[in-house]
Amino acid sequence: MHELSVCQAVIAQVEQIARQHDARVASITVRIGSLSGVESALLQRAYPLAVAGTALSRARLVIDVAPVRVRCRSCFAETIVEPNRLLCGVCGEWRTDLVSGDELLLASVELERNQHV
């Protein structure tokens, strides 16, 4: 399951952010496109395993699924389409460019300041 290694990479990046800000991580938001090759359900299941024993063990994972969006080369419309049907949603043209839907992004990290005594 490569979703576990994806989780581990995200966790390493978030841990570095938390250290830089001397903060605790409350939540992590990851944006996953349908064409990214990452299954959001598998990522959600891998997350508790990946954060066990880390500073992020109490951080919540939020997954934002990004739609597949194309821009038509003929009519220049930008439409949301099905992952297996990249046709323009306005004119039906097959010559389109992928605008989004293949991304895997660390969209946001919610931090809470550490309380120093």
PDB file of N, CA and C in Angstrom:
ATOM      1  N   MET A   1       0.849  -1.172   0.000  1.00  0.00           N
ATOM      2  CA  MET A   1       0.000   0.000   0.000  1.00  0.00           C
ATOM      3  C   MET A   1       0.895   1.237   0.000  1.00  0.00           C
ATOM      4  N   HIS A   2       0.961   1.945  -1.125  1.00  0.00           N
ATOM      5  CA  HIS A   2       1.826   3.113  -1.197  1.00  0.00           C
ATOM      6  C   HIS A   2       1.244   4.314  -0.477  1.00  0.00           C
ATOM      7  N   GLU A   3      -0.022   4.238  -0.067  1.00  0.00           N
ATOM      8  CA  GLU A   3      -0.637   5.315   0.699  1.00  0.00           C
ATOM      9  C   GLU A   3       0.063   5.497   2.043  1.00  0.00           C
ATOM     10  N   LEU A   4       0.594   4.406   2.615  1.00  0.00           N
ATOM     11  CA  LEU A   4       1.334   4.508   3.873  1.00  0.00           C
ATOM     12  C   LEU A   4       2.594   5.339   3.669  1.00  0.00           C
ATOM     13  N   SER A   5       3.314   5.107   2.581  1.00  0.00           N
ATOM     14  CA  SER A   5       4.516   5.906   2.324  1.00  0.00           C
ATOM     15  C   SER A   5       4.159   7.353   2.007  1.00  0.00           C
ATOM     16  N   VAL A   6       3.019   7.579   1.378  1.00  0.00           N
ATOM     17  CA  VAL A   6       2.548   8.950   1.136  1.00  0.00           C
ATOM     18  C   VAL A   6       2.287   9.632   2.480  1.00  0.00           C
ATOM     19  N   CYS A   7       1.614   8.929   3.392  1.00  0.00           N
ATOM     20  CA  CYS A   7       1.357   9.462   4.738  1.00  0.00           C
ATOM     21  C   CYS A   7       2.661   9.799   5.444  1.00  0.00           C
ATOM     22  N   GLN A   8       3.604   8.904   5.380  1.00  0.00           N
ATOM     23  CA  GLN A   8       4.878   9.121   6.063  1.00  0.00           C
ATOM     24  C   GLN A   8       5.594  10.348   5.511  1.00  0.00           C
ATOM     25  N   ALA A   9       5.541  10.554   4.219  1.00  0.00           N
ATOM     26  CA  ALA A   9       6.170  11.728   3.607  1.00  0.00           C
ATOM     27  C   ALA A   9       5.471  13.012   4.050  1.00  0.00           C
ATOM     28  N   VAL A  10       4.143  12.988   4.087  1.00  0.00           N
ATOM     29  CA  VAL A  10       3.382  14.158   4.535  1.00  0.00           C
ATOM     30  C   VAL A  10       3.693  14.448   5.992  1.00  0.00           C
ATOM     31  N   ILE A  11       3.742  13.410   6.816  1.00  0.00           N
ATOM     32  CA  ILE A  11       4.024  13.574   8.245  1.00  0.00           C
ATOM     33  C   ILE A  11       5.400  14.180   8.462  1.00  0.00           C
ATOM     34  N   ALA A  12       6.393  13.729   7.724  1.00  0.00           N
ATOM     35  CA  ALA A  12       7.739  14.290   7.844  1.00  0.00           C
ATOM     36  C   ALA A  12       7.734  15.781   7.520  1.00  0.00           C
ATOM     37  N   GLN A  13       7.016  16.155   6.493  1.00  0.00           N
ATOM     38  CA  GLN A  13       6.937  17.562   6.096  1.00  0.00           C
ATOM     39  C   GLN A  13       6.214  18.382   7.167  1.00  0.00           C
ATOM     40  N   VAL A  14       5.128  17.854   7.706  1.00  0.00           N
ATOM     41  CA  VAL A  14       4.344  18.571   8.713  1.00  0.00           C
ATOM     42  C   VAL A  14       5.114  18.680  10.028  1.00  0.00           C
ATOM     43  N   GLU A  15       5.839  17.635  10.398  1.00  0.00           N
ATOM     44  CA  GLU A  15       6.651  17.693  11.613  1.00  0.00           C
ATOM     45  C   GLU A  15       7.686  18.810  11.513  1.00  0.00           C
ATOM     46  N   GLN A  16       8.270  18.970  10.354  1.00  0.00           N
ATOM     47  CA  GLN A  16       9.249  20.036  10.139  1.00  0.00           C
ATOM     48  C   GLN A  16       8.585  21.409  10.294  1.00  0.00           C
ATOM     49  N   ILE A  17       7.398  21.563   9.742  1.00  0.00           N
ATOM     50  CA  ILE A  17       6.653  22.832   9.865  1.00  0.00           C
ATOM     51  C   ILE A  17       6.360  23.119  11.332  1.00  0.00           C
ATOM     52  N   ALA A  18       5.914  22.107  12.069  1.00  0.00           N
ATOM     53  CA  ALA A  18       5.584  22.280  13.485  1.00  0.00           C
ATOM     54  C   ALA A  18       6.817  22.689  14.288  1.00  0.00           C
ATOM     55  N   ARG A  19       7.955  22.071  14.003  1.00  0.00           N
ATOM     56  CA  ARG A  19       9.199  22.428  14.703  1.00  0.00           C
ATOM     57  C   ARG A  19       9.595  23.872  14.401  1.00  0.00           C
ATOM     58  N   GLN A  20       9.475  24.281  13.154  1.00  0.00           N
ATOM     59  CA  GLN A  20       9.839  25.649  12.767  1.00  0.00           C
ATOM     60  C   GLN A  20       9.009  26.691  13.505  1.00  0.00           C
ATOM     61  N   HIS A  21       7.764  26.335  13.815  1.00  0.00           N
ATOM     62  CA  HIS A  21       6.854  27.282  14.466  1.00  0.00           C
ATOM     63  C   HIS A  21       6.686  27.003  15.961  1.00  0.00           C
ATOM     64  N   ASP A  22       7.441  26.031  16.476  1.00  0.00           N
ATOM     65  CA  ASP A  22       7.337  25.631  17.877  1.00  0.00           C
ATOM     66  C   ASP A  22       5.868  25.469  18.265  1.00  0.00           C
ATOM     67  N   ALA A  23       5.181  24.617  17.504  1.00  0.00           N
ATOM     68  CA  ALA A  23       3.740  24.455  17.682  1.00  0.00           C
ATOM     69  C   ALA A  23       3.342  22.987  17.611  1.00  0.00           C
ATOM     70  N   ARG A  24       2.132  22.748  18.058  1.00  0.00           N
ATOM     71  CA  ARG A  24       1.529  21.425  17.990  1.00  0.00           C
ATOM     72  C   ARG A  24       0.582  21.418  16.796  1.00  0.00           C
ATOM     73  N   VAL A  25       0.494  20.285  16.109  1.00  0.00           N
ATOM     74  CA  VAL A  25      -0.370  20.182  14.930  1.00  0.00           C
ATOM     75  C   VAL A  25      -1.757  19.718  15.357  1.00  0.00           C
ATOM     76  N   ALA A  26      -2.772  20.512  15.018  1.00  0.00           N
ATOM     77  CA  ALA A  26      -4.159  20.158  15.328  1.00  0.00           C
ATOM     78  C   ALA A  26      -4.787  19.383  14.178  1.00  0.00           C
ATOM     79  N   SER A  27      -4.521  19.823  12.947  1.00  0.00           N
ATOM     80  CA  SER A  27      -5.074  19.120  11.792  1.00  0.00           C
ATOM     81  C   SER A  27      -4.226  19.359  10.551  1.00  0.00           C
ATOM     82  N   ILE A  28      -4.370  18.411   9.640  1.00  0.00           N
ATOM     83  CA  ILE A  28      -3.669  18.440   8.359  1.00  0.00           C
ATOM     84  C   ILE A  28      -4.732  18.271   7.280  1.00  0.00           C
ATOM     85  N   THR A  29      -4.694  19.120   6.272  1.00  0.00           N
ATOM     86  CA  THR A  29      -5.607  18.970   5.139  1.00  0.00           C
ATOM     87  C   THR A  29      -4.791  18.625   3.903  1.00  0.00           C
ATOM     88  N   VAL A  30      -5.155  17.528   3.276  1.00  0.00           N
ATOM     89  CA  VAL A  30      -4.488  17.054   2.067  1.00  0.00           C
ATOM     90  C   VAL A  30      -5.503  17.104   0.931  1.00  0.00           C
ATOM     91  N   ARG A  31      -5.082  17.648  -0.194  1.00  0.00           N
ATOM     92  CA  ARG A  31      -5.953  17.704  -1.383  1.00  0.00           C
ATOM     93  C   ARG A  31      -5.500  16.628  -2.354  1.00  0.00           C
ATOM     94  N   ILE A  32      -6.436  15.740  -2.705  1.00  0.00           N
ATOM     95  CA  ILE A  32      -6.122  14.605  -3.572  1.00  0.00           C
ATOM     96  C   ILE A  32      -7.023  14.642  -4.798  1.00  0.00           C
ATOM     97  N   GLY A  33      -6.418  14.626  -5.960  1.00  0.00           N
ATOM     98  CA  GLY A  33      -7.175  14.559  -7.201  1.00  0.00           C
ATOM     99  C   GLY A  33      -7.481  13.116  -7.572  1.00  0.00           C
ATOM    100  N   SER A  34      -8.565  12.911  -8.273  1.00  0.00           N
ATOM    101  CA  SER A  34      -8.986  11.570  -8.681  1.00  0.00           C
ATOM    102  C   SER A  34      -7.959  10.872  -9.567  1.00  0.00           C
ATOM    103  N   LEU A  35      -7.150  11.649 -10.280  1.00  0.00           N
ATOM    104  CA  LEU A  35      -6.155  11.082 -11.185  1.00  0.00           C
ATOM    105  C   LEU A  35      -4.760  11.019 -10.568  1.00  0.00           C
ATOM    106  N   SER A  36      -4.647  11.249  -9.266  1.00  0.00           N
ATOM    107  CA  SER A  36      -3.341  11.283  -8.602  1.00  0.00           C
ATOM    108  C   SER A  36      -2.746   9.903  -8.378  1.00  0.00           C
ATOM    109  N   GLY A  37      -3.574   8.882  -8.402  1.00  0.00           N
ATOM    110  CA  GLY A  37      -3.088   7.535  -8.111  1.00  0.00           C
ATOM    111  C   GLY A  37      -3.127   7.197  -6.636  1.00  0.00           C
ATOM    112  N   VAL A  38      -3.653   8.109  -5.817  1.00  0.00           N
ATOM    113  CA  VAL A  38      -3.772   7.881  -4.377  1.00  0.00           C
ATOM    114  C   VAL A  38      -5.254   7.725  -4.044  1.00  0.00           C
ATOM    115  N   GLU A  39      -5.574   6.650  -3.340  1.00  0.00           N
ATOM    116  CA  GLU A  39      -6.951   6.389  -2.924  1.00  0.00           C
ATOM    117  C   GLU A  39      -7.190   7.048  -1.575  1.00  0.00           C
ATOM    118  N   SER A  40      -8.160   7.965  -1.508  1.00  0.00           N
ATOM    119  CA  SER A  40      -8.391   8.696  -0.261  1.00  0.00           C
ATOM    120  C   SER A  40      -8.804   7.776   0.886  1.00  0.00           C
ATOM    121  N   ALA A  41      -9.586   6.746   0.615  1.00  0.00           N
ATOM    122  CA  ALA A  41     -10.002   5.813   1.670  1.00  0.00           C
ATOM    123  C   ALA A  41      -8.801   5.055   2.232  1.00  0.00           C
ATOM    124  N   LEU A  42      -7.883   4.661   1.370  1.00  0.00           N
ATOM    125  CA  LEU A  42      -6.682   3.958   1.828  1.00  0.00           C
ATOM    126  C   LEU A  42      -5.751   4.898   2.589  1.00  0.00           C
ATOM    127  N   LEU A  43      -5.678   6.145   2.157  1.00  0.00           N
ATOM    128  CA  LEU A  43      -4.872   7.130   2.861  1.00  0.00           C
ATOM    129  C   LEU A  43      -5.430   7.363   4.263  1.00  0.00           C
ATOM    130  N   GLN A  44      -6.744   7.449   4.362  1.00  0.00           N
ATOM    131  CA  GLN A  44      -7.408   7.637   5.657  1.00  0.00           C
ATOM    132  C   GLN A  44      -7.117   6.460   6.589  1.00  0.00           C
ATOM    133  N   ARG A  45      -7.100   5.255   6.048  1.00  0.00           N
ATOM    134  CA  ARG A  45      -6.810   4.065   6.859  1.00  0.00           C
ATOM    135  C   ARG A  45      -5.343   3.974   7.249  1.00  0.00           C
ATOM    136  N   ALA A  46      -4.451   4.435   6.393  1.00  0.00           N
ATOM    137  CA  ALA A  46      -3.017   4.369   6.671  1.00  0.00           C
ATOM    138  C   ALA A  46      -2.585   5.425   7.684  1.00  0.00           C
ATOM    139  N   TYR A  47      -3.323   6.503   7.772  1.00  0.00           N
ATOM    140  CA  TYR A  47      -2.934   7.635   8.614  1.00  0.00           C
ATOM    141  C   TYR A  47      -2.703   7.268  10.090  1.00  0.00           C
ATOM    142  N   PRO A  48      -3.608   6.557  10.759  1.00  0.00           N
ATOM    143  CA  PRO A  48      -3.358   6.224  12.168  1.00  0.00           C
ATOM    144  C   PRO A  48      -2.079   5.408  12.368  1.00  0.00           C
ATOM    145  N   LEU A  49      -1.777   4.535  11.423  1.00  0.00           N
ATOM    146  CA  LEU A  49      -0.534   3.760  11.508  1.00  0.00           C
ATOM    147  C   LEU A  49       0.691   4.655  11.355  1.00  0.00           C
ATOM    148  N   ALA A  50       0.604   5.591  10.447  1.00  0.00           N
ATOM    149  CA  ALA A  50       1.745   6.456  10.142  1.00  0.00           C
ATOM    150  C   ALA A  50       2.031   7.457  11.265  1.00  0.00           C
ATOM    151  N   VAL A  51       0.999   7.924  11.961  1.00  0.00           N
ATOM    152  CA  VAL A  51       1.215   8.934  13.014  1.00  0.00           C
ATOM    153  C   VAL A  51       1.459   8.322  14.390  1.00  0.00           C
ATOM    154  N   ALA A  52       1.244   7.030  14.541  1.00  0.00           N
ATOM    155  CA  ALA A  52       1.447   6.383  15.840  1.00  0.00           C
ATOM    156  C   ALA A  52       2.879   6.625  16.316  1.00  0.00           C
ATOM    157  N   GLY A  53       3.001   7.122  17.534  1.00  0.00           N
ATOM    158  CA  GLY A  53       4.314   7.365  18.119  1.00  0.00           C
ATOM    159  C   GLY A  53       5.002   8.630  17.644  1.00  0.00           C
ATOM    160  N   THR A  54       4.306   9.468  16.880  1.00  0.00           N
ATOM    161  CA  THR A  54       4.887  10.725  16.401  1.00  0.00           C
ATOM    162  C   THR A  54       4.235  11.896  17.132  1.00  0.00           C
ATOM    163  N   ALA A  55       4.772  13.071  16.917  1.00  0.00           N
ATOM    164  CA  ALA A  55       4.202  14.291  17.502  1.00  0.00           C
ATOM    165  C   ALA A  55       2.828  14.602  16.906  1.00  0.00           C
ATOM    166  N   LEU A  56       2.477  13.944  15.820  1.00  0.00           N
ATOM    167  CA  LEU A  56       1.194  14.189  15.165  1.00  0.00           C
ATOM    168  C   LEU A  56       0.120  13.177  15.564  1.00  0.00           C
ATOM    169  N   SER A  57       0.373  12.379  16.569  1.00  0.00           N
ATOM    170  CA  SER A  57      -0.550  11.298  16.914  1.00  0.00           C
ATOM    171  C   SER A  57      -1.958  11.782  17.254  1.00  0.00           C
ATOM    172  N   ARG A  58      -2.105  13.045  17.634  1.00  0.00           N
ATOM    173  CA  ARG A  58      -3.436  13.582  17.959  1.00  0.00           C
ATOM    174  C   ARG A  58      -3.991  14.487  16.854  1.00  0.00           C
ATOM    175  N   ALA A  59      -3.227  14.686  15.801  1.00  0.00           N
ATOM    176  CA  ALA A  59      -3.652  15.565  14.707  1.00  0.00           C
ATOM    177  C   ALA A  59      -4.696  14.867  13.837  1.00  0.00           C
ATOM    178  N   ARG A  60      -5.661  15.634  13.423  1.00  0.00           N
ATOM    179  CA  ARG A  60      -6.752  15.135  12.585  1.00  0.00           C
ATOM    180  C   ARG A  60      -6.358  15.276  11.119  1.00  0.00           C
ATOM    181  N   LEU A  61      -6.694  14.260  10.320  1.00  0.00           N
ATOM    182  CA  LEU A  61      -6.452  14.305   8.883  1.00  0.00           C
ATOM    183  C   LEU A  61      -7.750  14.644   8.169  1.00  0.00           C
ATOM    184  N   VAL A  62      -7.698  15.675   7.333  1.00  0.00           N
ATOM    185  CA  VAL A  62      -8.841  16.072   6.509  1.00  0.00           C
ATOM    186  C   VAL A  62      -8.431  15.854   5.058  1.00  0.00           C
ATOM    187  N   ILE A  63      -9.265  15.143   4.322  1.00  0.00           N
ATOM    188  CA  ILE A  63      -8.972  14.888   2.912  1.00  0.00           C
ATOM    189  C   ILE A  63      -9.971  15.656   2.059  1.00  0.00           C
ATOM    190  N   ASP A  64      -9.444  16.484   1.200  1.00  0.00           N
ATOM    191  CA  ASP A  64     -10.237  17.270   0.257  1.00  0.00           C
ATOM    192  C   ASP A  64     -10.036  16.636  -1.114  1.00  0.00           C
ATOM    193  N   VAL A  65     -11.101  16.074  -1.671  1.00  0.00           N
ATOM    194  CA  VAL A  65     -10.997  15.418  -2.981  1.00  0.00           C
ATOM    195  C   VAL A  65     -11.213  16.465  -4.068  1.00  0.00           C
ATOM    196  N   ALA A  66     -10.202  16.618  -4.912  1.00  0.00           N
ATOM    197  CA  ALA A  66     -10.252  17.610  -5.991  1.00  0.00           C
ATOM    198  C   ALA A  66     -10.899  17.003  -7.230  1.00  0.00           C
ATOM    199  N   PRO A  67     -11.849  17.711  -7.829  1.00  0.00           N
ATOM    200  CA  PRO A  67     -12.464  17.197  -9.053  1.00  0.00           C
ATOM    201  C   PRO A  67     -11.512  17.287 -10.236  1.00  0.00           C
ATOM    202  N   VAL A  68     -11.803  16.493 -11.244  1.00  0.00           N
ATOM    203  CA  VAL A  68     -11.039  16.570 -12.490  1.00  0.00           C
ATOM    204  C   VAL A  68     -11.637  17.717 -13.300  1.00  0.00           C
ATOM    205  N   ARG A  69     -10.781  18.660 -13.656  1.00  0.00           N
ATOM    206  CA  ARG A  69     -11.221  19.851 -14.388  1.00  0.00           C
ATOM    207  C   ARG A  69     -10.374  19.978 -15.650  1.00  0.00           C
ATOM    208  N   VAL A  70     -11.033  20.217 -16.777  1.00  0.00           N
ATOM    209  CA  VAL A  70     -10.329  20.391 -18.045  1.00  0.00           C
ATOM    210  C   VAL A  70     -10.680  21.735 -18.668  1.00  0.00           C
ATOM    211  N   ARG A  71      -9.778  22.224 -19.529  1.00  0.00           N
ATOM    212  CA  ARG A  71     -10.024  23.436 -20.319  1.00  0.00           C
ATOM    213  C   ARG A  71     -10.018  23.027 -21.777  1.00  0.00           C
ATOM    214  N   CYS A  72     -11.057  23.408 -22.474  1.00  0.00           N
ATOM    215  CA  CYS A  72     -11.224  23.055 -23.881  1.00  0.00           C
ATOM    216  C   CYS A  72     -10.319  23.919 -24.762  1.00  0.00           C
ATOM    217  N   ARG A  73      -9.670  23.280 -25.720  1.00  0.00           N
ATOM    218  CA  ARG A  73      -8.820  24.010 -26.654  1.00  0.00           C
ATOM    219  C   ARG A  73      -9.634  24.704 -27.745  1.00  0.00           C
ATOM    220  N   SER A  74     -10.898  24.316 -27.912  1.00  0.00           N
ATOM    221  CA  SER A  74     -11.732  24.929 -28.953  1.00  0.00           C
ATOM    222  C   SER A  74     -12.553  26.092 -28.417  1.00  0.00           C
ATOM    223  N   CYS A  75     -13.375  25.831 -27.384  1.00  0.00           N
ATOM    224  CA  CYS A  75     -14.264  26.887 -26.877  1.00  0.00           C
ATOM    225  C   CYS A  75     -13.721  27.556 -25.610  1.00  0.00           C
ATOM    226  N   PHE A  76     -12.603  27.050 -25.091  1.00  0.00           N
ATOM    227  CA  PHE A  76     -11.911  27.601 -23.925  1.00  0.00           C
ATOM    228  C   PHE A  76     -12.707  27.517 -22.624  1.00  0.00           C
ATOM    229  N   ALA A  77     -13.778  26.734 -22.632  1.00  0.00           N
ATOM    230  CA  ALA A  77     -14.548  26.535 -21.407  1.00  0.00           C
ATOM    231  C   ALA A  77     -13.752  25.656 -20.444  1.00  0.00           C
ATOM    232  N   GLU A  78     -13.942  25.892 -19.163  1.00  0.00           N
ATOM    233  CA  GLU A  78     -13.324  25.067 -18.135  1.00  0.00           C
ATOM    234  C   GLU A  78     -14.455  24.338 -17.417  1.00  0.00           C
ATOM    235  N   THR A  79     -14.414  23.008 -17.450  1.00  0.00           N
ATOM    236  CA  THR A  79     -15.500  22.224 -16.868  1.00  0.00           C
ATOM    237  C   THR A  79     -14.968  21.076 -16.023  1.00  0.00           C
ATOM    238  N   ILE A  80     -15.803  20.639 -15.090  1.00  0.00           N
ATOM    239  CA  ILE A  80     -15.514  19.461 -14.281  1.00  0.00           C
ATOM    240  C   ILE A  80     -16.018  18.252 -15.052  1.00  0.00           C
ATOM    241  N   VAL A  81     -15.161  17.226 -15.141  1.00  0.00           N
ATOM    242  CA  VAL A  81     -15.496  16.040 -15.927  1.00  0.00           C
ATOM    243  C   VAL A  81     -15.230  14.777 -15.117  1.00  0.00           C
ATOM    244  N   GLU A  82     -15.677  13.663 -15.638  1.00  0.00           N
ATOM    245  CA  GLU A  82     -15.399  12.375 -15.026  1.00  0.00           C
ATOM    246  C   GLU A  82     -13.948  11.986 -15.319  1.00  0.00           C
ATOM    247  N   PRO A  83     -13.288  11.294 -14.376  1.00  0.00           N
ATOM    248  CA  PRO A  83     -11.876  10.937 -14.577  1.00  0.00           C
ATOM    249  C   PRO A  83     -11.594  10.114 -15.832  1.00  0.00           C
ATOM    250  N   ASN A  84     -12.568   9.371 -16.309  1.00  0.00           N
ATOM    251  CA  ASN A  84     -12.351   8.527 -17.486  1.00  0.00           C
ATOM    252  C   ASN A  84     -12.975   9.127 -18.750  1.00  0.00           C
ATOM    253  N   ARG A  85     -13.365  10.396 -18.699  1.00  0.00           N
ATOM    254  CA  ARG A  85     -14.015  11.042 -19.844  1.00  0.00           C
ATOM    255  C   ARG A  85     -13.616  12.521 -19.860  1.00  0.00           C
ATOM    256  N   LEU A  86     -12.468  12.797 -20.443  1.00  0.00           N
ATOM    257  CA  LEU A  86     -11.895  14.139 -20.404  1.00  0.00           C
ATOM    258  C   LEU A  86     -12.349  15.014 -21.567  1.00  0.00           C
ATOM    259  N   LEU A  87     -13.635  14.938 -21.879  1.00  0.00           N
ATOM    260  CA  LEU A  87     -14.219  15.742 -22.954  1.00  0.00           C
ATOM    261  C   LEU A  87     -14.740  17.061 -22.388  1.00  0.00           C
ATOM    262  N   CYS A  88     -14.752  18.091 -23.229  1.00  0.00           N
ATOM    263  CA  CYS A  88     -15.299  19.379 -22.826  1.00  0.00           C
ATOM    264  C   CYS A  88     -16.765  19.201 -22.439  1.00  0.00           C
ATOM    265  N   GLY A  89     -17.124  19.737 -21.290  1.00  0.00           N
ATOM    266  CA  GLY A  89     -18.504  19.644 -20.817  1.00  0.00           C
ATOM    267  C   GLY A  89     -19.449  20.589 -21.527  1.00  0.00           C
ATOM    268  N   VAL A  90     -18.924  21.513 -22.332  1.00  0.00           N
ATOM    269  CA  VAL A  90     -19.761  22.474 -23.051  1.00  0.00           C
ATOM    270  C   VAL A  90     -19.982  22.046 -24.494  1.00  0.00           C
ATOM    271  N   CYS A  91     -18.875  21.806 -25.227  1.00  0.00           N
ATOM    272  CA  CYS A  91     -19.014  21.507 -26.657  1.00  0.00           C
ATOM    273  C   CYS A  91     -18.702  20.053 -27.010  1.00  0.00           C
ATOM    274  N   GLY A  92     -18.209  19.258 -26.059  1.00  0.00           N
ATOM    275  CA  GLY A  92     -17.923  17.851 -26.313  1.00  0.00           C
ATOM    276  C   GLY A  92     -16.580  17.580 -26.983  1.00  0.00           C
ATOM    277  N   GLU A  93     -15.794  18.616 -27.203  1.00  0.00           N
ATOM    278  CA  GLU A  93     -14.481  18.482 -27.855  1.00  0.00           C
ATOM    279  C   GLU A  93     -13.573  17.569 -27.037  1.00  0.00           C
ATOM    280  N   TRP A  94     -12.780  16.757 -27.750  1.00  0.00           N
ATOM    281  CA  TRP A  94     -11.860  15.838 -27.068  1.00  0.00           C
ATOM    282  C   TRP A  94     -10.500  16.467 -26.810  1.00  0.00           C
ATOM    283  N   ARG A  95     -10.192  17.558 -27.490  1.00  0.00           N
ATOM    284  CA  ARG A  95      -8.897  18.227 -27.273  1.00  0.00           C
ATOM    285  C   ARG A  95      -9.016  19.173 -26.083  1.00  0.00           C
ATOM    286  N   THR A  96      -8.640  18.653 -24.940  1.00  0.00           N
ATOM    287  CA  THR A  96      -8.708  19.412 -23.693  1.00  0.00           C
ATOM    288  C   THR A  96      -7.369  19.334 -22.969  1.00  0.00           C
ATOM    289  N   ASP A  97      -7.161  20.258 -22.064  1.00  0.00           N
ATOM    290  CA  ASP A  97      -5.978  20.257 -21.204  1.00  0.00           C
ATOM    291  C   ASP A  97      -6.432  20.077 -19.767  1.00  0.00           C
ATOM    292  N   LEU A  98      -5.725  19.235 -19.056  1.00  0.00           N
ATOM    293  CA  LEU A  98      -6.043  18.984 -17.656  1.00  0.00           C
ATOM    294  C   LEU A  98      -5.650  20.205 -16.823  1.00  0.00           C
ATOM    295  N   VAL A  99      -6.597  20.735 -16.067  1.00  0.00           N
ATOM    296  CA  VAL A  99      -6.355  21.894 -15.212  1.00  0.00           C
ATOM    297  C   VAL A  99      -6.105  21.437 -13.775  1.00  0.00           C
ATOM    298  N   SER A 100      -6.909  20.480 -13.313  1.00  0.00           N
ATOM    299  CA  SER A 100      -6.721  19.927 -11.969  1.00  0.00           C
ATOM    300  C   SER A 100      -7.314  18.533 -11.919  1.00  0.00           C
ATOM    301  N   GLY A 101      -6.950  17.822 -10.857  1.00  0.00           N
ATOM    302  CA  GLY A 101      -7.466  16.469 -10.691  1.00  0.00           C
ATOM    303  C   GLY A 101      -6.370  15.428 -10.578  1.00  0.00           C
ATOM    304  N   ASP A 102      -5.123  15.842 -10.821  1.00  0.00           N
ATOM    305  CA  ASP A 102      -4.020  14.899 -10.699  1.00  0.00           C
ATOM    306  C   ASP A 102      -3.087  15.261  -9.544  1.00  0.00           C
ATOM    307  N   GLU A 103      -3.523  16.218  -8.708  1.00  0.00           N
ATOM    308  CA  GLU A 103      -2.652  16.705  -7.656  1.00  0.00           C
ATOM    309  C   GLU A 103      -2.729  15.894  -6.359  1.00  0.00           C
ATOM    310  N   LEU A 104      -1.660  15.979  -5.615  1.00  0.00           N
ATOM    311  CA  LEU A 104      -1.588  15.482  -4.243  1.00  0.00           C
ATOM    312  C   LEU A 104      -0.853  16.575  -3.495  1.00  0.00           C
ATOM    313  N   LEU A 105      -1.600  17.394  -2.747  1.00  0.00           N
ATOM    314  CA  LEU A 105      -1.036  18.579  -2.119  1.00  0.00           C
ATOM    315  C   LEU A 105      -1.276  18.596  -0.622  1.00  0.00           C
ATOM    316  N   LEU A 106      -0.315  19.091   0.110  1.00  0.00           N
ATOM    317  CA  LEU A 106      -0.523  19.431   1.503  1.00  0.00           C
ATOM    318  C   LEU A 106      -1.171  20.798   1.471  1.00  0.00           C
ATOM    319  N   ALA A 107      -2.480  20.835   1.615  1.00  0.00           N
ATOM    320  CA  ALA A 107      -3.235  22.072   1.428  1.00  0.00           C
ATOM    321  C   ALA A 107      -3.109  23.013   2.616  1.00  0.00           C
ATOM    322  N   SER A 108      -3.171  22.467   3.840  1.00  0.00           N
ATOM    323  CA  SER A 108      -3.039  23.326   5.014  1.00  0.00           C
ATOM    324  C   SER A 108      -2.655  22.517   6.238  1.00  0.00           C
ATOM    325  N   VAL A 109      -2.074  23.230   7.188  1.00  0.00           N
ATOM    326  CA  VAL A 109      -1.700  22.657   8.480  1.00  0.00           C
ATOM    327  C   VAL A 109      -2.209  23.617   9.536  1.00  0.00           C
ATOM    328  N   GLU A 110      -3.043  23.132  10.419  1.00  0.00           N
ATOM    329  CA  GLU A 110      -3.542  23.958  11.519  1.00  0.00           C
ATOM    330  C   GLU A 110      -2.656  23.718  12.732  1.00  0.00           C
ATOM    331  N   LEU A 111      -2.038  24.797  13.205  1.00  0.00           N
ATOM    332  CA  LEU A 111      -1.102  24.711  14.320  1.00  0.00           C
ATOM    333  C   LEU A 111      -1.697  25.353  15.569  1.00  0.00           C
ATOM    334  N   GLU A 112      -1.274  24.850  16.715  1.00  0.00           N
ATOM    335  CA  GLU A 112      -1.616  25.454  18.002  1.00  0.00           C
ATOM    336  C   GLU A 112      -0.306  25.718  18.714  1.00  0.00           C
ATOM    337  N   ARG A 113      -0.171  26.882  19.281  1.00  0.00           N
ATOM    338  CA  ARG A 113       1.065  27.260  19.979  1.00  0.00           C
ATOM    339  C   ARG A 113       1.289  26.347  21.172  1.00  0.00           C
ATOM    340  N   ASN A 114       2.532  25.917  21.345  1.00  0.00           N
ATOM    341  CA  ASN A 114       2.915  25.142  22.526  1.00  0.00           C
ATOM    342  C   ASN A 114       2.897  26.072  23.730  1.00  0.00           C
ATOM    343  N   GLN A 115       2.412  25.573  24.848  1.00  0.00           N
ATOM    344  CA  GLN A 115       2.396  26.338  26.101  1.00  0.00           C
ATOM    345  C   GLN A 115       3.669  26.031  26.858  1.00  0.00           C
ATOM    346  N   HIS A 116       4.525  27.009  27.012  1.00  0.00           N
ATOM    347  CA  HIS A 116       5.777  26.821  27.755  1.00  0.00           C
ATOM    348  C   HIS A 116       5.584  27.259  29.201  1.00  0.00           C
ATOM    349  N   VAL A 117       6.064  26.460  30.098  1.00  0.00           N
ATOM    350  CA  VAL A 117       5.937  26.781  31.525  1.00  0.00           C
ATOM    351  C   VAL A 117       7.202  27.429  32.030  1.00  0.00           C
TER     352      VAL A 117
END
